[in-house]
Amino acid sequence: MKNKLLITGMAFVSLFALASCNGGGDDYSQLREVVLSDIEADYKTALGLFYDANDVDNTSVLLNEVSGTDFCKIYVSKNAKDSIFVYNYDLKTIFDAHGEKTKNITISAVSATNALYDAEKTAVITETFRDTSGVKNVLDGVSFYDGIYSNSAYNKQLDVSNAYNMYLENNQSNVYVAIVYMPVYMIHSINGQDKLRDYVLVPIYHEFTTNGGVSGVREIDLGNYLDASGKLIIKTPTDNA
C-alpha cells in the first residue's frame, strides 16, 4: 500500500501559475466534495483535519487572496504547527531490489476525493507555496523552516543519490525519507458556486535519515489512511457501529 506514495522514475511535473483553477474540457457540472460531517473525530485528530464550514474564522487561515469569478480558496489550520505530521518511508526495499539504478523517487500530494483536475492540482500547490501568503508565513519557528519547499508540484521528484550513499555507509540498513505533510482545505468556486470542497495533504519538506522522523513533528503512518487507489479513506462514525 505504501508504495503508491513513491513511484520510482516518474517524470517531474513542472509547476506553473494559473490565473484561475479552471481547465479546458474539465467537467464542473457536479460538486466534488468530502462531506465534513462524515469524518470521525479521531480520524480528524490523527491527520490534523481542521476545517469547520460553520466556524471558518476560528478554525482556519486563508492562505491566498481571492478575486475574480473563478478562484480557489486554500485554508490551513489556525494551529498550523500542530496540524502537520511526518510520514517515514523506508527506502531499503527499493535499494535492495534496484541498487544504484534507483536515481529518483516521486512523492505526491493526497486528496480526500481523489478527483482534482490538473488545473486544481496546480492551483493548490501554487497557493500553498506562494511567497507572500504561503506555508512559511504560518510555520515560523519549526525545526525545518529553512528547508520548507519554496515551490513544488503535486507530484514531486526527489533525487535519492544521497540516501543511497547513506544506505551503503550503514551496511545496507534502513534509510528513510521523512516527508512532512500539511493538510489544507480547498474550495474551488466558479460564478458563485462551489465545484470542489476537498482536503489535500501537501508535502512541504523532506529529509533522508537512518532513524526516521523530523524533530518536533508527530509521526503518522500515512499508508494506513489510504485505499488501494491512493485516495484518503474517510472514516465515518457509522464505520464503528
Protein backbone atom coordinates (compact mmCIF):
# COMPACT_ATOMS: atom_id res chain seq x y z
CA MET A 1 0.00 0.00 0.00
CA LYS A 2 2.71 2.48 0.91
CA ASN A 3 4.43 2.19 -2.48
CA LYS A 4 1.67 4.22 -4.09
CA LEU A 5 3.15 7.32 -2.44
CA LEU A 6 6.56 6.83 -4.00
CA ILE A 7 6.91 5.94 -7.65
CA THR A 8 10.41 5.32 -8.99
CA GLY A 9 11.35 7.03 -12.23
CA MET A 10 8.27 9.21 -12.61
CA ALA A 11 8.88 12.35 -14.66
CA PHE A 12 8.98 15.65 -12.79
CA VAL A 13 5.78 17.61 -13.08
CA SER A 14 6.70 21.24 -13.54
CA LEU A 15 4.81 23.94 -11.68
CA PHE A 16 3.27 26.92 -13.42
CA ALA A 17 0.94 29.61 -12.14
CA LEU A 18 -2.65 29.89 -13.33
CA ALA A 19 -4.91 32.91 -13.19
CA SER A 20 -7.76 30.59 -12.19
CA CYS A 21 -8.44 26.96 -11.29
CA ASN A 22 -10.43 26.22 -14.42
CA GLY A 23 -9.04 23.86 -17.05
CA GLY A 24 -10.30 23.48 -20.59
CA GLY A 25 -12.56 20.46 -21.05
CA ASP A 26 -12.97 19.73 -17.31
CA ASP A 27 -16.49 18.87 -16.17
CA TYR A 28 -17.73 21.20 -13.45
CA SER A 29 -21.41 20.22 -13.65
CA GLN A 30 -21.24 18.27 -10.37
CA LEU A 31 -19.88 19.27 -6.98
CA ARG A 32 -16.96 17.06 -5.88
CA GLU A 33 -16.64 17.08 -2.12
CA VAL A 34 -15.72 15.27 1.03
CA VAL A 35 -18.61 15.66 3.45
CA LEU A 36 -17.08 17.14 6.60
CA SER A 37 -19.77 15.82 8.93
CA ASP A 38 -18.95 12.27 7.80
CA ILE A 39 -15.41 12.35 9.17
CA GLU A 40 -14.91 10.70 12.55
CA ALA A 41 -13.37 12.91 15.26
CA ASP A 42 -10.44 10.56 15.94
CA TYR A 43 -9.65 10.48 12.24
CA LYS A 44 -9.63 14.29 12.07
CA THR A 45 -7.24 14.44 15.00
CA ALA A 46 -4.84 11.86 13.56
CA LEU A 47 -4.48 13.66 10.21
CA GLY A 48 -4.74 17.22 11.51
CA LEU A 49 -8.01 17.89 9.67
CA PHE A 50 -9.42 21.19 10.86
CA TYR A 51 -11.98 22.83 8.60
CA ASP A 52 -15.40 23.70 10.03
CA ALA A 53 -17.75 25.25 7.50
CA ASN A 54 -19.79 26.82 10.29
CA ASP A 55 -16.84 28.39 12.12
CA VAL A 56 -14.25 29.25 9.47
CA ASP A 57 -12.74 32.31 11.15
CA ASN A 58 -11.86 30.38 14.29
CA THR A 59 -10.50 27.21 12.75
CA SER A 60 -8.57 28.14 9.64
CA VAL A 61 -6.44 30.75 7.91
CA LEU A 62 -6.89 31.69 4.26
CA LEU A 63 -3.53 31.46 2.51
CA ASN A 64 -4.38 33.34 -0.65
CA GLU A 65 -6.27 36.41 -1.78
CA VAL A 66 -9.49 35.71 -3.65
CA SER A 67 -10.56 37.66 -6.73
CA GLY A 68 -12.49 37.15 -9.94
CA THR A 69 -15.32 34.73 -10.64
CA ASP A 70 -13.20 31.56 -10.90
CA PHE A 71 -10.92 31.02 -7.93
CA CYS A 72 -9.57 28.51 -5.44
CA LYS A 73 -9.52 29.26 -1.72
CA ILE A 74 -6.85 27.40 0.25
CA TYR A 75 -7.17 27.15 4.03
CA VAL A 76 -4.75 25.89 6.68
CA SER A 77 -5.36 25.24 10.35
CA LYS A 78 -5.19 28.20 12.70
CA ASN A 79 -2.78 25.98 14.67
CA ALA A 80 -0.75 25.09 11.60
CA LYS A 81 2.24 23.72 13.52
CA ASP A 82 0.01 21.25 15.32
CA SER A 83 -1.68 20.06 12.12
CA ILE A 84 1.47 18.92 10.29
CA PHE A 85 2.80 15.37 10.54
CA VAL A 86 5.71 13.31 9.22
CA TYR A 87 5.45 10.06 7.30
CA ASN A 88 8.57 7.86 7.30
CA TYR A 89 9.02 5.73 4.21
CA ASP A 90 11.77 3.10 4.32
CA LEU A 91 13.79 3.06 1.07
CA LYS A 92 15.66 -0.14 1.93
CA THR A 93 13.35 -2.41 -0.09
CA ILE A 94 13.80 -0.23 -3.18
CA PHE A 95 17.57 -0.07 -2.78
CA ASP A 96 17.79 -3.81 -2.08
CA ALA A 97 15.93 -4.53 -5.30
CA HIS A 98 17.37 -1.90 -7.65
CA GLY A 99 20.59 -0.66 -6.06
CA GLU A 100 22.30 2.30 -7.68
CA LYS A 101 19.81 2.19 -10.57
CA THR A 102 17.39 3.99 -8.28
CA LYS A 103 18.01 7.62 -9.19
CA ASN A 104 14.74 9.28 -8.21
CA ILE A 105 11.51 8.72 -6.36
CA THR A 106 8.30 10.71 -6.57
CA ILE A 107 6.20 11.84 -3.64
CA SER A 108 2.66 13.04 -4.14
CA ALA A 109 0.03 15.20 -2.53
CA VAL A 110 -3.04 13.21 -1.46
CA SER A 111 -6.68 14.25 -1.85
CA ALA A 112 -9.75 13.02 0.02
CA THR A 113 -11.87 12.94 -3.15
CA ASN A 114 -9.03 11.90 -5.48
CA ALA A 115 -10.93 13.94 -8.07
CA LEU A 116 -8.86 17.08 -8.64
CA TYR A 117 -8.35 18.26 -12.19
CA ASP A 118 -4.82 19.18 -13.29
CA ALA A 119 -5.52 22.90 -13.06
CA GLU A 120 -6.77 22.46 -9.49
CA LYS A 121 -3.69 20.45 -8.57
CA THR A 122 -1.55 23.28 -9.89
CA ALA A 123 -3.63 25.85 -8.01
CA VAL A 124 -3.39 24.14 -4.62
CA ILE A 125 0.39 23.89 -4.93
CA THR A 126 0.80 27.45 -6.25
CA GLU A 127 -1.18 28.93 -3.37
CA THR A 128 0.33 26.70 -0.68
CA PHE A 129 3.85 27.84 -1.58
CA ARG A 130 3.16 31.45 -2.59
CA ASP A 131 5.91 33.73 -1.24
CA THR A 132 3.68 36.36 0.31
CA SER A 133 0.98 34.15 1.84
CA GLY A 134 2.18 30.54 1.77
CA VAL A 135 3.12 27.97 4.39
CA LYS A 136 6.29 29.73 5.54
CA ASN A 137 4.08 32.50 6.86
CA VAL A 138 2.32 30.13 9.27
CA LEU A 139 5.19 27.82 10.26
CA ASP A 140 7.76 30.22 11.65
CA GLY A 141 9.91 28.53 14.29
CA VAL A 142 9.62 24.90 13.18
CA SER A 143 12.91 22.97 13.20
CA PHE A 144 12.94 22.52 9.42
CA TYR A 145 11.84 26.06 8.48
CA ASP A 146 14.80 26.78 6.17
CA GLY A 147 14.14 23.58 4.23
CA ILE A 148 10.44 24.16 3.52
CA TYR A 149 9.90 23.99 -0.22
CA SER A 150 9.87 27.37 -1.93
CA ASN A 151 7.93 25.79 -4.79
CA SER A 152 6.80 22.29 -5.60
CA ALA A 153 4.45 20.17 -7.71
CA TYR A 154 1.52 17.87 -6.97
CA ASN A 155 3.86 15.02 -7.86
CA LYS A 156 7.37 15.96 -6.78
CA GLN A 157 10.53 14.13 -7.84
CA LEU A 158 13.33 13.63 -5.31
CA ASP A 159 16.96 12.77 -6.06
CA VAL A 160 17.86 9.81 -3.78
CA SER A 161 21.59 9.60 -4.51
CA ASN A 162 22.49 10.87 -1.02
CA ALA A 163 20.05 8.41 0.53
CA TYR A 164 21.66 5.56 -1.41
CA ASN A 165 25.08 6.57 -0.09
CA MET A 166 23.66 6.51 3.44
CA TYR A 167 22.31 3.03 2.75
CA LEU A 168 25.76 1.80 1.69
CA GLU A 169 27.58 3.55 4.53
CA ASN A 170 25.26 1.88 7.05
CA ASN A 171 25.83 -1.66 5.70
CA GLN A 172 22.65 -1.64 3.63
CA SER A 173 20.49 -0.90 6.64
CA ASN A 174 17.27 1.12 6.79
CA VAL A 175 17.22 4.58 5.23
CA TYR A 176 14.05 6.64 5.41
CA VAL A 177 12.68 9.56 3.51
CA ALA A 178 10.81 11.52 6.18
CA ILE A 179 8.07 13.56 4.47
CA VAL A 180 6.31 16.37 6.32
CA TYR A 181 2.71 16.85 5.19
CA MET A 182 0.43 19.80 5.84
CA PRO A 183 -3.35 19.33 5.49
CA VAL A 184 -5.06 22.12 3.55
CA TYR A 185 -8.72 22.56 2.74
CA MET A 186 -9.52 23.63 -0.82
CA ILE A 187 -12.67 25.24 -2.23
CA HIS A 188 -12.93 25.83 -5.97
CA SER A 189 -15.69 28.28 -6.85
CA ILE A 190 -16.96 29.33 -10.28
CA ASN A 191 -19.52 32.13 -10.69
CA GLY A 192 -20.53 31.91 -7.05
CA GLN A 193 -20.98 28.14 -6.96
CA ASP A 194 -18.60 25.71 -5.27
CA LYS A 195 -17.33 23.00 -7.63
CA LEU A 196 -14.83 21.34 -5.26
CA ARG A 197 -14.57 21.04 -1.47
CA ASP A 198 -11.67 18.82 -0.55
CA TYR A 199 -8.88 18.10 1.89
CA VAL A 200 -5.43 17.83 0.32
CA LEU A 201 -2.37 16.60 2.24
CA VAL A 202 0.55 18.54 0.74
CA PRO A 203 4.23 17.55 1.19
CA ILE A 204 6.11 20.65 2.35
CA TYR A 205 9.53 19.24 3.35
CA HIS A 206 11.58 16.05 3.36
CA GLU A 207 14.86 14.73 4.66
CA PHE A 208 16.74 11.44 4.45
CA THR A 209 17.57 9.78 7.74
CA THR A 210 18.62 6.40 9.13
CA ASN A 211 16.25 6.54 12.09
CA GLY A 212 13.16 8.31 10.73
CA GLY A 213 11.32 11.35 11.99
CA VAL A 214 11.75 15.11 11.91
CA SER A 215 12.45 17.00 15.11
CA GLY A 216 9.29 18.36 16.75
CA VAL A 217 6.86 16.80 14.26
CA ARG A 218 4.48 14.00 15.19
CA GLU A 219 4.70 10.78 13.18
CA ILE A 220 1.82 9.19 11.26
CA ASP A 221 1.86 6.02 9.14
CA LEU A 222 0.03 7.60 6.22
CA GLY A 223 -0.21 4.28 4.38
CA ASN A 224 -2.81 3.20 6.93
CA TYR A 225 -5.10 6.03 5.85
CA LEU A 226 -5.16 5.37 2.09
CA ASP A 227 -7.11 2.96 -0.07
CA ALA A 228 -5.65 0.98 -2.98
CA SER A 229 -6.03 3.96 -5.36
CA GLY A 230 -4.16 6.39 -3.10
CA LYS A 231 -7.35 8.15 -2.00
CA LEU A 232 -7.80 9.13 1.63
CA ILE A 233 -10.10 6.75 3.47
CA ILE A 234 -12.73 8.92 5.10
CA LYS A 235 -13.71 7.06 8.25
CA THR A 236 -17.23 7.90 9.37
CA PRO A 237 -18.87 7.43 12.77
CA THR A 238 -21.08 4.65 11.34
CA ASP A 239 -17.98 2.59 10.47
CA ASN A 240 -17.67 1.71 14.16
CA ALA A 241 -21.36 0.97 14.67
